[in-house]
Amino acid sequence: MKKRNNAGYSLVELIIVLGIIAVLSGLAAVTISAISTARATSAKESFNEELSTLVKLTKSQNKKAAMLIEKVDDKYQITYGTFTGDVTRKANGDPSDDFKDRANFTADTSIDTITLDRVKIMYAAKSSDTAKEVTEVNGTAGFMIVMFNKADGSVWSGDGIYTFNKERSNASVGKVTLNKTTGSHYTGS
């Protein structure tokens, strides 16, 4: 009997293994993309729910209730609190400059801070405006305040279109639109 030297893999076995690795790599890329889309979509839905919570707080408990949105360590944090500045809109309809001063916002430590991660939130006051990252809306302030009018439900600050993109991407997964006049908000694509 002749002894064979089977110290390595045959070319056919090597090609089969490389093919399996290629297929699994392709599936991993699709899976990672799907997870990224799901996280950004979840952030959009959470943001819409937080707007509903703010409306309830404003109408039932505190007419000065407000929501501060800021970016901390590549994650957006939503903090509830009270706004003590001037809420009167300017003659051109823009929110008061007091909404650009963080000293006018006091956090409510009895309400948990909400964290939205793996998403990039863009904001435009009108559909014709160029969207900016939500933390760049007030120049270098690095935050944005959303506040409703208790009397009629209109929006004093933060009305506009919030577009939710995948993290580190411009691929949109949807929008939340906040109506200035009625305070209604809804999601869409």
Protein backbone atom coordinates (compact mmCIF):
# COMPACT_ATOMS: atom_id res chain seq x y z
CA MET A 1 0.00 0.00 0.00
CA LYS A 2 1.13 3.45 -0.85
CA LYS A 3 1.21 6.06 1.90
CA ARG A 4 -0.37 9.42 1.06
CA ASN A 5 0.85 12.74 2.34
CA ASN A 6 -2.31 14.53 3.52
CA ALA A 7 -0.59 17.36 5.31
CA GLY A 8 -2.70 20.17 3.79
CA TYR A 9 -5.94 21.03 2.11
CA SER A 10 -6.69 20.37 -1.51
CA LEU A 11 -7.39 23.26 -3.85
CA VAL A 12 -11.08 22.28 -4.06
CA GLU A 13 -11.45 22.34 -0.27
CA LEU A 14 -9.76 25.73 -0.10
CA ILE A 15 -12.08 27.20 -2.77
CA ILE A 16 -15.16 25.85 -0.95
CA VAL A 17 -14.03 27.40 2.37
CA LEU A 18 -13.31 30.76 0.69
CA GLY A 19 -16.75 30.68 -0.94
CA ILE A 20 -18.42 30.05 2.42
CA ILE A 21 -16.48 32.93 4.00
CA ALA A 22 -17.49 35.27 1.16
CA VAL A 23 -21.18 34.40 1.56
CA LEU A 24 -21.05 34.88 5.34
CA SER A 25 -19.27 38.24 4.93
CA GLY A 26 -22.01 39.42 2.59
CA LEU A 27 -24.70 38.36 5.05
CA ALA A 28 -22.89 40.15 7.89
CA ALA A 29 -22.84 43.43 5.94
CA VAL A 30 -26.57 43.18 5.25
CA THR A 31 -27.27 42.35 8.90
CA ILE A 32 -25.22 45.30 10.18
CA SER A 33 -27.04 47.66 7.81
CA ALA A 34 -30.41 46.31 8.95
CA ILE A 35 -29.46 46.79 12.60
CA SER A 36 -28.34 50.37 11.91
CA THR A 37 -31.64 51.12 10.16
CA ALA A 38 -33.63 49.59 13.01
CA ARG A 39 -31.77 51.66 15.64
CA ALA A 40 -32.36 54.92 13.75
CA THR A 41 -36.04 54.05 13.20
CA SER A 42 -36.40 53.26 16.90
CA ALA A 43 -34.87 56.67 17.76
CA LYS A 44 -37.40 58.37 15.47
CA GLU A 45 -40.32 56.63 17.18
CA SER A 46 -38.90 57.40 20.64
CA PHE A 47 -38.52 61.08 19.74
CA ASN A 48 -42.14 61.22 18.57
CA GLU A 49 -43.26 59.63 21.86
CA GLU A 50 -41.20 62.15 23.84
CA LEU A 51 -42.98 64.99 22.04
CA SER A 52 -46.29 63.46 23.17
CA THR A 53 -44.96 63.25 26.73
CA LEU A 54 -43.94 66.92 26.62
CA VAL A 55 -47.41 67.94 25.41
CA LYS A 56 -48.98 66.01 28.31
CA LEU A 57 -46.60 67.57 30.84
CA THR A 58 -47.30 71.04 29.49
CA LYS A 59 -51.08 70.71 29.44
CA SER A 60 -51.53 68.84 32.71
CA GLN A 61 -48.74 69.90 35.06
CA ASN A 62 -46.43 72.71 34.07
CA LYS A 63 -47.02 75.43 31.50
CA LYS A 64 -43.26 76.08 31.47
CA ALA A 65 -42.35 72.45 30.69
CA ALA A 66 -39.67 72.14 28.03
CA MET A 67 -37.42 69.53 26.48
CA LEU A 68 -33.70 70.08 25.90
CA ILE A 69 -31.98 68.12 23.11
CA GLU A 70 -28.20 67.95 23.18
CA LYS A 71 -25.45 65.68 21.93
CA VAL A 72 -23.20 64.02 24.50
CA ASP A 73 -20.56 61.48 23.40
CA ASP A 74 -22.17 60.96 19.96
CA LYS A 75 -25.55 60.27 21.56
CA TYR A 76 -28.52 62.61 21.75
CA GLN A 77 -29.90 63.22 25.21
CA ILE A 78 -33.42 64.47 25.84
CA THR A 79 -33.83 66.15 29.20
CA TYR A 80 -37.12 67.43 30.58
CA GLY A 81 -37.27 70.57 32.67
CA THR A 82 -38.65 74.10 32.84
CA PHE A 83 -37.96 77.12 30.67
CA THR A 84 -37.91 80.51 32.40
CA GLY A 85 -37.03 82.83 29.51
CA ASP A 86 -39.20 84.93 27.21
CA VAL A 87 -41.40 82.77 24.98
CA THR A 88 -42.69 85.59 22.74
CA ARG A 89 -41.87 85.00 19.08
CA LYS A 90 -40.00 87.66 17.10
CA ALA A 91 -41.82 89.77 14.49
CA ASN A 92 -40.58 87.41 11.73
CA GLY A 93 -42.07 84.39 13.54
CA ASP A 94 -38.79 82.94 14.80
CA PRO A 95 -38.55 81.79 18.42
CA SER A 96 -37.23 84.19 21.05
CA ASP A 97 -33.45 84.39 21.43
CA ASP A 98 -33.95 83.28 25.04
CA PHE A 99 -34.28 79.72 23.68
CA LYS A 100 -30.58 79.95 22.71
CA ASP A 101 -29.50 80.57 26.32
CA ARG A 102 -29.12 77.41 28.36
CA ALA A 103 -29.35 79.41 31.60
CA ASN A 104 -33.09 79.71 30.91
CA PHE A 105 -33.53 75.91 31.17
CA THR A 106 -33.59 74.02 34.47
CA ALA A 107 -33.50 70.22 34.28
CA ASP A 108 -36.10 68.19 36.19
CA THR A 109 -34.07 65.50 37.93
CA SER A 110 -37.20 63.52 38.82
CA ILE A 111 -37.64 62.57 35.14
CA ASP A 112 -35.11 60.22 33.53
CA THR A 113 -32.96 61.52 30.69
CA ILE A 114 -33.73 59.77 27.39
CA THR A 115 -30.80 58.68 25.21
CA LEU A 116 -31.06 58.24 21.44
CA ASP A 117 -27.98 56.59 19.96
CA ARG A 118 -26.73 55.34 16.60
CA VAL A 119 -28.62 58.08 14.80
CA LYS A 120 -27.98 61.52 13.33
CA ILE A 121 -30.86 63.99 13.76
CA MET A 122 -31.14 66.78 11.20
CA TYR A 123 -33.49 69.76 11.60
CA ALA A 124 -35.09 72.26 9.22
CA ALA A 125 -37.64 74.88 10.28
CA LYS A 126 -39.36 74.59 6.87
CA SER A 127 -39.19 72.03 4.09
CA SER A 128 -37.49 74.63 1.87
CA ASP A 129 -34.68 75.18 4.41
CA THR A 130 -31.38 73.33 4.36
CA ALA A 131 -31.30 70.85 7.23
CA LYS A 132 -28.64 71.17 9.95
CA GLU A 133 -27.76 68.79 12.72
CA VAL A 134 -30.15 69.54 15.57
CA THR A 135 -27.29 70.63 17.85
CA GLU A 136 -26.14 73.24 15.29
CA VAL A 137 -29.49 75.02 14.99
CA ASN A 138 -28.65 77.64 17.63
CA GLY A 139 -25.16 78.31 16.32
CA THR A 140 -22.49 77.13 18.73
CA ALA A 141 -24.91 76.59 21.63
CA GLY A 142 -24.93 72.82 21.01
CA PHE A 143 -28.52 72.25 22.10
CA MET A 144 -32.12 72.89 21.12
CA ILE A 145 -35.18 73.51 23.30
CA VAL A 146 -38.68 72.33 22.38
CA MET A 147 -41.61 73.96 24.15
CA PHE A 148 -45.39 74.05 23.71
CA ASN A 149 -47.94 76.75 24.59
CA LYS A 150 -50.29 75.38 27.26
CA ALA A 151 -53.19 77.63 26.18
CA ASP A 152 -53.60 76.47 22.59
CA GLY A 153 -51.06 73.68 22.06
CA SER A 154 -49.00 75.64 19.55
CA VAL A 155 -45.20 75.39 19.54
CA TRP A 156 -43.10 78.19 21.03
CA SER A 157 -39.79 76.62 20.05
CA GLY A 158 -38.71 73.57 18.07
CA ASP A 159 -41.35 73.42 15.33
CA GLY A 160 -40.13 72.04 12.03
CA ILE A 161 -38.95 68.84 10.39
CA TYR A 162 -36.64 66.42 12.18
CA THR A 163 -34.98 63.95 9.80
CA PHE A 164 -33.49 60.79 11.29
CA ASN A 165 -30.47 59.42 9.45
CA LYS A 166 -28.41 56.33 10.08
CA GLU A 167 -25.37 57.08 12.21
CA ARG A 168 -22.46 58.50 10.16
CA SER A 169 -24.63 58.55 7.05
CA ASN A 170 -27.07 60.69 5.13
CA ALA A 171 -29.41 57.74 4.58
CA SER A 172 -32.75 58.86 6.02
CA VAL A 173 -34.99 56.37 7.81
CA GLY A 174 -37.84 58.84 8.36
CA LYS A 175 -38.98 62.20 9.66
CA VAL A 176 -40.93 63.68 12.54
CA THR A 177 -42.79 66.86 11.65
CA LEU A 178 -43.85 69.25 14.42
CA ASN A 179 -46.51 71.78 13.35
CA LYS A 180 -46.00 75.31 14.74
CA THR A 181 -49.67 76.33 14.79
CA THR A 182 -51.35 73.21 16.15
CA GLY A 183 -48.51 71.44 17.96
CA SER A 184 -49.42 68.23 16.18
CA HIS A 185 -46.56 65.92 15.32
CA TYR A 186 -46.37 62.90 13.08
CA THR A 187 -43.86 60.54 11.54
CA GLY A 188 -43.28 59.93 7.87
CA SER A 189 -40.61 59.02 5.39
